[in-house]
Amino acid sequence: MPSKARAAVAASILICCLTLAAQERGVWGAVSSNARSITGDVELSGDRVSINFVSFPIARIRGLEPAELSAAFDADSNSPGTGSLYRLNVPFSRKFLRKNTLCGAEDTQWMATYVRGNGLQIAFFSGQKPPVFTLEALANSSDTCGVFSYAR
């Protein structure tokens, strides 16, 4: 493949990835009861998540495949939507609304997102190893902290 073609392909992939991550950015209003009672509204930027006005650094690890989104968020694997896996560190001692924590007595280490239309779902996970996004692995995992729903 000529170098110009390789550069064009690389640029297309980069633009696609930036576009997918950009869909998650912005302020999201808490919709689900657990989001309203624990996190309140959230804001995502390129390198931070703000929960109840407290900001935490995040690092995007990778995009999630449709089957992974389906397993983690009970989504139709054929429906349009995008998601990402992020690394973060929210200490278990950090209290949010009504003195609630994200993962009980465990540090929150991972965040998965799923954006579809004007809706966002976020799943938080504890544990040093990245979560495995299959129905079986998630059903048998003690590292899943909760799934929260938001809207614009």
N, C-alpha and C. Protein backbone atom coordinates (compact mmCIF):
# COMPACT_ATOMS: atom_id res chain seq x y z
N MET A 1 0.85 -1.17 0.00
CA MET A 1 0.00 0.00 0.00
C MET A 1 0.89 1.23 0.00
N PRO A 2 0.68 2.17 -0.91
CA PRO A 2 1.50 3.39 -0.96
C PRO A 2 1.36 4.18 0.33
N SER A 3 2.37 4.97 0.62
CA SER A 3 2.38 5.71 1.89
C SER A 3 1.23 6.72 1.98
N LYS A 4 0.82 7.33 0.86
CA LYS A 4 -0.32 8.26 0.90
C LYS A 4 -1.60 7.53 1.27
N ALA A 5 -1.78 6.34 0.75
CA ALA A 5 -2.98 5.56 1.08
C ALA A 5 -2.97 5.15 2.54
N ARG A 6 -1.80 4.74 3.05
CA ARG A 6 -1.70 4.39 4.46
C ARG A 6 -2.02 5.59 5.35
N ALA A 7 -1.51 6.75 4.96
CA ALA A 7 -1.78 7.97 5.73
C ALA A 7 -3.27 8.30 5.71
N ALA A 8 -3.92 8.11 4.57
CA ALA A 8 -5.36 8.39 4.47
C ALA A 8 -6.17 7.45 5.34
N VAL A 9 -5.79 6.17 5.34
CA VAL A 9 -6.48 5.19 6.18
C VAL A 9 -6.28 5.52 7.65
N ALA A 10 -5.06 5.85 8.04
CA ALA A 10 -4.77 6.19 9.43
C ALA A 10 -5.56 7.43 9.85
N ALA A 11 -5.64 8.43 8.99
CA ALA A 11 -6.40 9.64 9.31
C ALA A 11 -7.88 9.33 9.45
N SER A 12 -8.41 8.47 8.61
CA SER A 12 -9.83 8.09 8.69
C SER A 12 -10.13 7.38 10.00
N ILE A 13 -9.25 6.49 10.40
CA ILE A 13 -9.44 5.76 11.67
C ILE A 13 -9.39 6.73 12.84
N LEU A 14 -8.45 7.64 12.82
CA LEU A 14 -8.33 8.62 13.90
C LEU A 14 -9.57 9.49 13.99
N ILE A 15 -10.06 9.98 12.86
CA ILE A 15 -11.26 10.82 12.85
C ILE A 15 -12.46 10.04 13.37
N CYS A 16 -12.58 8.78 12.97
CA CYS A 16 -13.68 7.94 13.44
C CYS A 16 -13.63 7.78 14.95
N CYS A 17 -12.46 7.47 15.48
CA CYS A 17 -12.32 7.26 16.93
C CYS A 17 -12.62 8.54 17.70
N LEU A 18 -12.14 9.67 17.20
CA LEU A 18 -12.40 10.94 17.87
C LEU A 18 -13.88 11.28 17.84
N THR A 19 -14.54 10.98 16.72
CA THR A 19 -15.97 11.24 16.60
C THR A 19 -16.75 10.39 17.59
N LEU A 20 -16.40 9.11 17.71
CA LEU A 20 -17.10 8.24 18.64
C LEU A 20 -16.95 8.73 20.08
N ALA A 21 -15.74 9.08 20.47
CA ALA A 21 -15.51 9.56 21.83
C ALA A 21 -16.19 10.91 22.05
N ALA A 22 -16.28 11.74 21.00
CA ALA A 22 -16.90 13.05 21.14
C ALA A 22 -18.39 12.94 21.45
N GLN A 23 -19.05 11.88 21.03
CA GLN A 23 -20.47 11.70 21.31
C GLN A 23 -20.73 11.59 22.81
N GLU A 24 -19.76 11.12 23.56
CA GLU A 24 -19.92 10.96 25.00
C GLU A 24 -19.72 12.27 25.75
N ARG A 25 -19.04 13.21 25.15
CA ARG A 25 -18.67 14.44 25.84
C ARG A 25 -19.87 15.33 26.11
N GLY A 26 -19.77 16.03 27.23
CA GLY A 26 -20.80 17.00 27.59
C GLY A 26 -21.45 16.67 28.91
N VAL A 27 -22.46 17.46 29.23
CA VAL A 27 -23.20 17.29 30.49
C VAL A 27 -24.38 16.37 30.24
N TRP A 28 -24.55 15.41 31.14
CA TRP A 28 -25.64 14.43 31.06
C TRP A 28 -26.44 14.48 32.35
N GLY A 29 -27.76 14.59 32.22
CA GLY A 29 -28.63 14.65 33.38
C GLY A 29 -28.99 13.26 33.88
N ALA A 30 -28.97 13.07 35.18
CA ALA A 30 -29.31 11.78 35.79
C ALA A 30 -30.76 11.42 35.48
N VAL A 31 -30.97 10.17 35.03
CA VAL A 31 -32.31 9.70 34.69
C VAL A 31 -32.73 8.54 35.59
N SER A 32 -31.89 7.53 35.72
CA SER A 32 -32.25 6.36 36.52
C SER A 32 -32.26 6.72 38.00
N SER A 33 -32.99 5.94 38.79
CA SER A 33 -33.09 6.24 40.22
C SER A 33 -31.72 6.15 40.90
N ASN A 34 -30.88 5.18 40.49
CA ASN A 34 -29.56 5.10 41.14
C ASN A 34 -28.67 6.27 40.73
N ALA A 35 -28.80 6.76 39.50
CA ALA A 35 -28.03 7.94 39.09
C ALA A 35 -28.50 9.17 39.87
N ARG A 36 -29.80 9.31 40.04
CA ARG A 36 -30.33 10.46 40.79
C ARG A 36 -29.94 10.40 42.27
N SER A 37 -29.80 9.19 42.82
CA SER A 37 -29.51 9.08 44.25
C SER A 37 -28.02 8.92 44.57
N ILE A 38 -27.19 8.63 43.59
CA ILE A 38 -25.77 8.42 43.88
C ILE A 38 -24.88 9.45 43.20
N THR A 39 -24.97 9.58 41.87
CA THR A 39 -24.03 10.42 41.13
C THR A 39 -24.57 11.82 40.83
N GLY A 40 -25.86 11.95 40.66
CA GLY A 40 -26.40 13.19 40.12
C GLY A 40 -25.97 13.29 38.67
N ASP A 41 -26.01 14.49 38.12
CA ASP A 41 -25.59 14.70 36.74
C ASP A 41 -24.09 14.44 36.61
N VAL A 42 -23.67 14.04 35.41
CA VAL A 42 -22.25 13.83 35.14
C VAL A 42 -21.83 14.65 33.93
N GLU A 43 -20.53 14.90 33.84
CA GLU A 43 -19.98 15.57 32.67
C GLU A 43 -18.74 14.81 32.22
N LEU A 44 -18.68 14.53 30.93
CA LEU A 44 -17.53 13.84 30.35
C LEU A 44 -16.80 14.80 29.43
N SER A 45 -15.49 14.86 29.58
CA SER A 45 -14.64 15.59 28.65
C SER A 45 -13.65 14.58 28.10
N GLY A 46 -12.71 15.04 27.34
CA GLY A 46 -11.75 14.11 26.74
C GLY A 46 -10.93 13.33 27.75
N ASP A 47 -10.63 13.95 28.89
CA ASP A 47 -9.75 13.29 29.85
C ASP A 47 -10.24 13.34 31.29
N ARG A 48 -11.53 13.71 31.48
CA ARG A 48 -12.07 13.80 32.84
C ARG A 48 -13.54 13.42 32.86
N VAL A 49 -13.96 12.89 34.01
CA VAL A 49 -15.38 12.71 34.29
C VAL A 49 -15.66 13.47 35.58
N SER A 50 -16.74 14.23 35.56
CA SER A 50 -17.15 14.96 36.76
C SER A 50 -18.43 14.34 37.29
N ILE A 51 -18.37 13.95 38.55
CA ILE A 51 -19.51 13.34 39.23
C ILE A 51 -19.81 14.19 40.46
N ASN A 52 -21.02 14.72 40.50
CA ASN A 52 -21.42 15.55 41.63
C ASN A 52 -20.39 16.67 41.87
N PHE A 53 -19.95 17.31 40.80
CA PHE A 53 -19.03 18.45 40.80
C PHE A 53 -17.61 18.10 41.24
N VAL A 54 -17.27 16.81 41.28
CA VAL A 54 -15.91 16.40 41.59
C VAL A 54 -15.35 15.73 40.33
N SER A 55 -14.17 16.19 39.91
CA SER A 55 -13.58 15.72 38.66
C SER A 55 -12.53 14.63 38.91
N PHE A 56 -12.55 13.62 38.04
CA PHE A 56 -11.58 12.52 38.11
C PHE A 56 -10.96 12.34 36.73
N PRO A 57 -9.64 12.14 36.65
CA PRO A 57 -9.02 11.88 35.35
C PRO A 57 -9.44 10.50 34.82
N ILE A 58 -9.63 10.44 33.51
CA ILE A 58 -9.95 9.17 32.85
C ILE A 58 -9.03 8.99 31.65
N ALA A 59 -8.81 7.74 31.29
CA ALA A 59 -8.03 7.42 30.09
C ALA A 59 -8.84 6.42 29.27
N ARG A 60 -9.13 6.78 28.02
CA ARG A 60 -9.87 5.88 27.14
C ARG A 60 -8.95 4.74 26.75
N ILE A 61 -9.40 3.52 27.02
CA ILE A 61 -8.62 2.33 26.71
C ILE A 61 -8.94 1.83 25.31
N ARG A 62 -10.24 1.70 25.02
CA ARG A 62 -10.64 1.20 23.70
C ARG A 62 -12.14 1.36 23.51
N GLY A 63 -12.56 1.23 22.28
CA GLY A 63 -13.98 1.19 21.98
C GLY A 63 -14.54 -0.18 22.30
N LEU A 64 -15.83 -0.25 22.56
CA LEU A 64 -16.49 -1.52 22.85
C LEU A 64 -17.23 -2.00 21.61
N GLU A 65 -17.19 -3.29 21.37
CA GLU A 65 -17.87 -3.91 20.25
C GLU A 65 -19.37 -4.03 20.55
N PRO A 66 -20.21 -4.14 19.50
CA PRO A 66 -21.65 -4.28 19.73
C PRO A 66 -22.03 -5.42 20.68
N ALA A 67 -21.37 -6.57 20.56
CA ALA A 67 -21.68 -7.70 21.46
C ALA A 67 -21.32 -7.36 22.91
N GLU A 68 -20.25 -6.60 23.12
CA GLU A 68 -19.85 -6.20 24.47
C GLU A 68 -20.85 -5.20 25.04
N LEU A 69 -21.30 -4.26 24.21
CA LEU A 69 -22.32 -3.30 24.66
C LEU A 69 -23.61 -4.02 25.03
N SER A 70 -23.96 -5.03 24.23
CA SER A 70 -25.16 -5.81 24.49
C SER A 70 -25.06 -6.52 25.84
N ALA A 71 -23.92 -7.11 26.13
CA ALA A 71 -23.73 -7.84 27.39
C ALA A 71 -23.73 -6.89 28.60
N ALA A 72 -23.07 -5.78 28.47
CA ALA A 72 -22.92 -4.87 29.61
C ALA A 72 -24.15 -4.02 29.87
N PHE A 73 -24.87 -3.67 28.80
CA PHE A 73 -25.96 -2.71 28.95
C PHE A 73 -27.31 -3.26 28.51
N ASP A 74 -27.41 -4.55 28.30
CA ASP A 74 -28.65 -5.17 27.87
C ASP A 74 -29.22 -4.45 26.64
N ALA A 75 -28.32 -4.15 25.72
CA ALA A 75 -28.69 -3.43 24.50
C ALA A 75 -28.81 -4.42 23.34
N ASP A 76 -29.61 -4.06 22.36
CA ASP A 76 -29.72 -4.85 21.14
C ASP A 76 -28.42 -4.68 20.37
N SER A 77 -27.72 -5.78 20.09
CA SER A 77 -26.42 -5.68 19.42
C SER A 77 -26.54 -5.14 18.00
N ASN A 78 -27.76 -5.08 17.46
CA ASN A 78 -27.96 -4.52 16.12
C ASN A 78 -28.38 -3.06 16.15
N SER A 79 -28.60 -2.51 17.34
CA SER A 79 -29.04 -1.12 17.42
C SER A 79 -27.83 -0.19 17.31
N PRO A 80 -28.06 1.01 16.76
CA PRO A 80 -26.95 1.95 16.66
C PRO A 80 -26.57 2.47 18.04
N GLY A 81 -25.31 2.58 18.26
CA GLY A 81 -24.80 3.08 19.53
C GLY A 81 -23.32 2.81 19.61
N THR A 82 -22.64 3.57 20.44
CA THR A 82 -21.20 3.42 20.60
C THR A 82 -20.87 3.39 22.08
N GLY A 83 -19.72 2.85 22.38
CA GLY A 83 -19.29 2.81 23.76
C GLY A 83 -17.79 2.69 23.88
N SER A 84 -17.30 2.96 25.07
CA SER A 84 -15.87 2.93 25.34
C SER A 84 -15.60 2.39 26.72
N LEU A 85 -14.39 1.88 26.90
CA LEU A 85 -13.89 1.46 28.20
C LEU A 85 -12.85 2.48 28.63
N TYR A 86 -12.98 2.94 29.86
CA TYR A 86 -12.06 3.92 30.43
C TYR A 86 -11.43 3.38 31.70
N ARG A 87 -10.22 3.83 31.97
CA ARG A 87 -9.54 3.55 33.23
C ARG A 87 -9.67 4.81 34.07
N LEU A 88 -9.97 4.65 35.34
CA LEU A 88 -10.04 5.77 36.26
C LEU A 88 -9.76 5.25 37.67
N ASN A 89 -9.72 6.14 38.62
CA ASN A 89 -9.55 5.74 40.01
C ASN A 89 -10.39 6.66 40.89
N VAL A 90 -11.48 6.10 41.39
CA VAL A 90 -12.32 6.81 42.35
C VAL A 90 -12.20 6.03 43.65
N PRO A 91 -11.55 6.61 44.66
CA PRO A 91 -11.36 5.90 45.92
C PRO A 91 -12.69 5.55 46.58
N PHE A 92 -12.73 4.40 47.24
CA PHE A 92 -13.96 3.97 47.92
C PHE A 92 -14.39 4.96 48.99
N SER A 93 -13.44 5.73 49.49
CA SER A 93 -13.76 6.70 50.55
C SER A 93 -14.49 7.93 50.01
N ARG A 94 -14.53 8.09 48.68
CA ARG A 94 -15.19 9.25 48.07
C ARG A 94 -16.70 9.07 48.13
N LYS A 95 -17.37 9.96 48.84
CA LYS A 95 -18.82 9.91 48.99
C LYS A 95 -19.47 10.89 48.01
N PHE A 96 -20.61 10.48 47.48
CA PHE A 96 -21.36 11.32 46.55
C PHE A 96 -22.69 11.70 47.20
N LEU A 97 -23.75 11.77 46.43
CA LEU A 97 -25.05 12.16 46.98
C LEU A 97 -25.47 11.19 48.09
N ARG A 98 -26.09 11.74 49.10
CA ARG A 98 -26.61 10.95 50.23
C ARG A 98 -25.55 10.02 50.84
N LYS A 99 -24.29 10.45 50.77
CA LYS A 99 -23.15 9.72 51.33
C LYS A 99 -22.98 8.33 50.70
N ASN A 100 -23.40 8.18 49.43
CA ASN A 100 -23.24 6.93 48.70
C ASN A 100 -21.89 6.88 47.99
N THR A 101 -21.40 5.66 47.77
CA THR A 101 -20.18 5.44 46.99
C THR A 101 -20.55 4.74 45.69
N LEU A 102 -19.61 4.70 44.76
CA LEU A 102 -19.87 4.02 43.48
C LEU A 102 -19.78 2.51 43.59
N CYS A 103 -18.78 2.02 44.34
CA CYS A 103 -18.52 0.57 44.39
C CYS A 103 -18.43 0.05 45.82
N GLY A 104 -19.22 0.59 46.70
CA GLY A 104 -19.18 0.10 48.08
C GLY A 104 -17.83 0.34 48.71
N ALA A 105 -17.22 -0.71 49.24
CA ALA A 105 -15.93 -0.61 49.92
C ALA A 105 -14.75 -0.85 48.98
N GLU A 106 -14.98 -0.81 47.68
CA GLU A 106 -13.92 -1.03 46.68
C GLU A 106 -13.66 0.26 45.91
N ASP A 107 -12.40 0.48 45.49
CA ASP A 107 -12.09 1.60 44.60
C ASP A 107 -12.70 1.32 43.23
N THR A 108 -13.22 2.35 42.59
CA THR A 108 -13.75 2.23 41.23
C THR A 108 -12.57 2.39 40.27
N GLN A 109 -12.32 1.37 39.46
CA GLN A 109 -11.15 1.34 38.58
C GLN A 109 -11.47 1.47 37.10
N TRP A 110 -12.70 1.14 36.70
CA TRP A 110 -13.08 1.09 35.29
C TRP A 110 -14.44 1.72 35.08
N MET A 111 -14.62 2.29 33.91
CA MET A 111 -15.89 2.89 33.54
C MET A 111 -16.16 2.52 32.08
N ALA A 112 -17.34 1.97 31.82
CA ALA A 112 -17.75 1.67 30.45
C ALA A 112 -18.93 2.57 30.11
N THR A 113 -18.94 3.08 28.89
CA THR A 113 -20.02 3.97 28.47
C THR A 113 -20.74 3.38 27.26
N TYR A 114 -22.00 3.77 27.13
CA TYR A 114 -22.81 3.38 25.98
C TYR A 114 -23.70 4.57 25.62
N VAL A 115 -23.48 5.13 24.45
CA VAL A 115 -24.25 6.28 23.98
C VAL A 115 -25.13 5.82 22.83
N ARG A 116 -26.42 6.14 22.97
CA ARG A 116 -27.38 5.86 21.90
C ARG A 116 -28.34 7.04 21.85
N GLY A 117 -28.30 7.78 20.75
CA GLY A 117 -29.16 8.95 20.63
C GLY A 117 -28.84 9.96 21.72
N ASN A 118 -29.85 10.38 22.46
CA ASN A 118 -29.67 11.34 23.55
C ASN A 118 -29.52 10.67 24.90
N GLY A 119 -29.19 9.39 24.90
CA GLY A 119 -29.04 8.66 26.15
C GLY A 119 -27.62 8.16 26.37
N LEU A 120 -27.22 8.12 27.60
CA LEU A 120 -25.91 7.62 28.01
C LEU A 120 -26.11 6.66 29.17
N GLN A 121 -25.46 5.52 29.10
CA GLN A 121 -25.40 4.62 30.25
C GLN A 121 -23.93 4.47 30.63
N ILE A 122 -23.68 4.44 31.91
CA ILE A 122 -22.33 4.25 32.43
C ILE A 122 -22.35 3.08 33.40
N ALA A 123 -21.42 2.15 33.21
CA ALA A 123 -21.23 1.05 34.15
C ALA A 123 -19.88 1.26 34.83
N PHE A 124 -19.87 1.14 36.14
CA PHE A 124 -18.63 1.26 36.90
C PHE A 124 -18.21 -0.11 37.41
N PHE A 125 -16.89 -0.31 37.48
CA PHE A 125 -16.33 -1.60 37.89
C PHE A 125 -15.15 -1.37 38.84
N SER A 126 -14.99 -2.29 39.78
CA SER A 126 -13.80 -2.30 40.63
C SER A 126 -12.86 -3.36 40.05
N GLY A 127 -11.76 -3.61 40.72
CA GLY A 127 -10.83 -4.65 40.29
C GLY A 127 -9.69 -4.11 39.45
N GLN A 128 -8.54 -4.75 39.58
CA GLN A 128 -7.35 -4.31 38.85
C GLN A 128 -7.40 -4.68 37.37
N LYS A 129 -8.03 -5.82 37.06
CA LYS A 129 -8.08 -6.27 35.67
C LYS A 129 -9.29 -5.66 34.97
N PRO A 130 -9.16 -5.37 33.66
CA PRO A 130 -10.31 -4.82 32.94
C PRO A 130 -11.48 -5.80 32.94
N PRO A 131 -12.70 -5.30 32.97
CA PRO A 131 -13.86 -6.20 32.93
C PRO A 131 -13.92 -6.95 31.60
N VAL A 132 -14.46 -8.15 31.65
CA VAL A 132 -14.70 -8.95 30.45
C VAL A 132 -16.18 -8.78 30.11
N PHE A 133 -16.45 -8.33 28.90
CA PHE A 133 -17.81 -7.98 28.51
C PHE A 133 -18.50 -9.11 27.77
N THR A 134 -18.77 -10.18 28.52
CA THR A 134 -19.63 -11.26 28.03
C THR A 134 -20.71 -11.46 29.09
N LEU A 135 -21.85 -12.00 28.68
CA LEU A 135 -22.93 -12.22 29.65
C LEU A 135 -22.47 -13.10 30.80
N GLU A 136 -21.78 -14.18 30.49
CA GLU A 136 -21.32 -15.11 31.53
C GLU A 136 -20.33 -14.45 32.48
N ALA A 137 -19.34 -13.76 31.92
CA ALA A 137 -18.32 -13.13 32.77
C ALA A 137 -18.94 -12.06 33.67
N LEU A 138 -19.83 -11.25 33.12
CA LEU A 138 -20.46 -10.19 33.92
C LEU A 138 -21.39 -10.77 34.98
N ALA A 139 -22.09 -11.86 34.65
CA ALA A 139 -22.99 -12.50 35.62
C ALA A 139 -22.22 -13.09 36.79
N ASN A 140 -20.98 -13.53 36.54
CA ASN A 140 -20.17 -14.16 37.58
C ASN A 140 -19.15 -13.22 38.22
N SER A 141 -19.19 -11.96 37.85
CA SER A 141 -18.21 -11.00 38.35
C SER A 141 -18.69 -10.32 39.62
N SER A 142 -17.79 -10.17 40.56
CA SER A 142 -18.10 -9.40 41.76
C SER A 142 -17.59 -7.96 41.62
N ASP A 143 -17.02 -7.64 40.44
CA ASP A 143 -16.44 -6.33 40.21
C ASP A 143 -17.42 -5.31 39.61
N THR A 144 -18.60 -5.77 39.20
CA THR A 144 -19.58 -4.84 38.64
C THR A 144 -20.21 -4.05 39.78
N CYS A 145 -20.13 -2.72 39.67
CA CYS A 145 -20.65 -1.86 40.74
C CYS A 145 -22.06 -1.38 40.47
N GLY A 146 -22.36 -1.08 39.23
CA GLY A 146 -23.69 -0.60 38.90
C GLY A 146 -23.72 0.05 37.54
N VAL A 147 -24.94 0.16 37.00
CA VAL A 147 -25.17 0.82 35.73
C VAL A 147 -26.08 2.01 35.98
N PHE A 148 -25.71 3.14 35.44
CA PHE A 148 -26.40 4.40 35.67
C PHE A 148 -26.85 4.97 34.33
N SER A 149 -28.02 5.58 34.29
CA SER A 149 -28.56 6.12 33.03
C SER A 149 -28.70 7.64 33.10
N TYR A 150 -28.38 8.27 31.97
CA TYR A 150 -28.40 9.73 31.84
C TYR A 150 -28.99 10.13 30.50
N ALA A 151 -29.36 11.40 30.36
CA ALA A 151 -29.90 11.90 29.09
C ALA A 151 -29.50 13.36 28.92
N ARG A 152 -29.57 13.80 27.68
CA ARG A 152 -29.33 15.23 27.37
C ARG A 152 -30.65 15.91 27.17
